[in-house]
Amino acid sequence: MSETDIPDIVIRRLPLYARELGLLAGEGRDFISSQELGQRLGVTPAQIRKDLSYFGRFGKRGRGYEVVGLRERLRTILGLNGRVKEMVLVGVGRLGRAVLGYAGFRRGGFEVVRVFDSDPRQIGQEVDNHRVADVATLPEYLQRTRVAMGIVAVPAEAAPSVIDMLVSGGVRAILSYAPVTTSVPRGVHLRQIDPVMELESMAYYLEAPFDGYVEDHP
């Protein structure tokens, strides 16, 4: 089965399963049922079984899933059991510096290997053991190194051109913190994180409960 046959939402849930299985392994658990795993994650057991069925047969009748074995299999499927995944970071303002200083990347098997910015005041500065390079040198760097992952932490107006630069340089996985929508070619995967939009959606739950009736005015 090709990756295009697997829904993106399924791929997004795999790290959630792997992380929870890691916690279970730390608790000394050997096996877990889809029922209990679903309860811990807020996912139905049927959904877990369906998600995993895209990648083969898992679980043992009467015992459930082998915790360590399934976690390692999921990490292999995600490509996380090999060498560290190298990334470039574009933008070293407040957000970019916070991203660069996040220790969870290394624990998860990712490493920022080069940082770029367009601000002359930032270029040449040392930030978290990285010397900031001019973003104008990004295409040459990508051509030379073939780094396949990138993080965008620039203002919204600069994001489309930076993303285009990454795509042209062969980057196939981009995580963008810029609050702007942009399209990428087939084969390139762009994920956008907009904290304000997430907060706006959660604000809905602070309002009065919806009564289920909407009047349709012409």
Foldseek 3Di string as FASTA:
>chain_A
DDPVVADPVLLVCLVVLLVVLVVVVVVVDFFDALPVSCVVVVHHSVVVCVSCVVPHDAADPPTHGGSVVSSVVSCVVVVQPDAAQEEEEEDDDPVSLVVQPDPVSVVSRYHYDAYEYQDPVQQQDARPNHHYHHVVCVLVVLQVPVRAEYEYDDEQVCPVVSVVSNVVSNHQEYEYAYPDDDDDDPRRHYHYDDPVVVVVVVVVVVDDDDPPDDDDDD
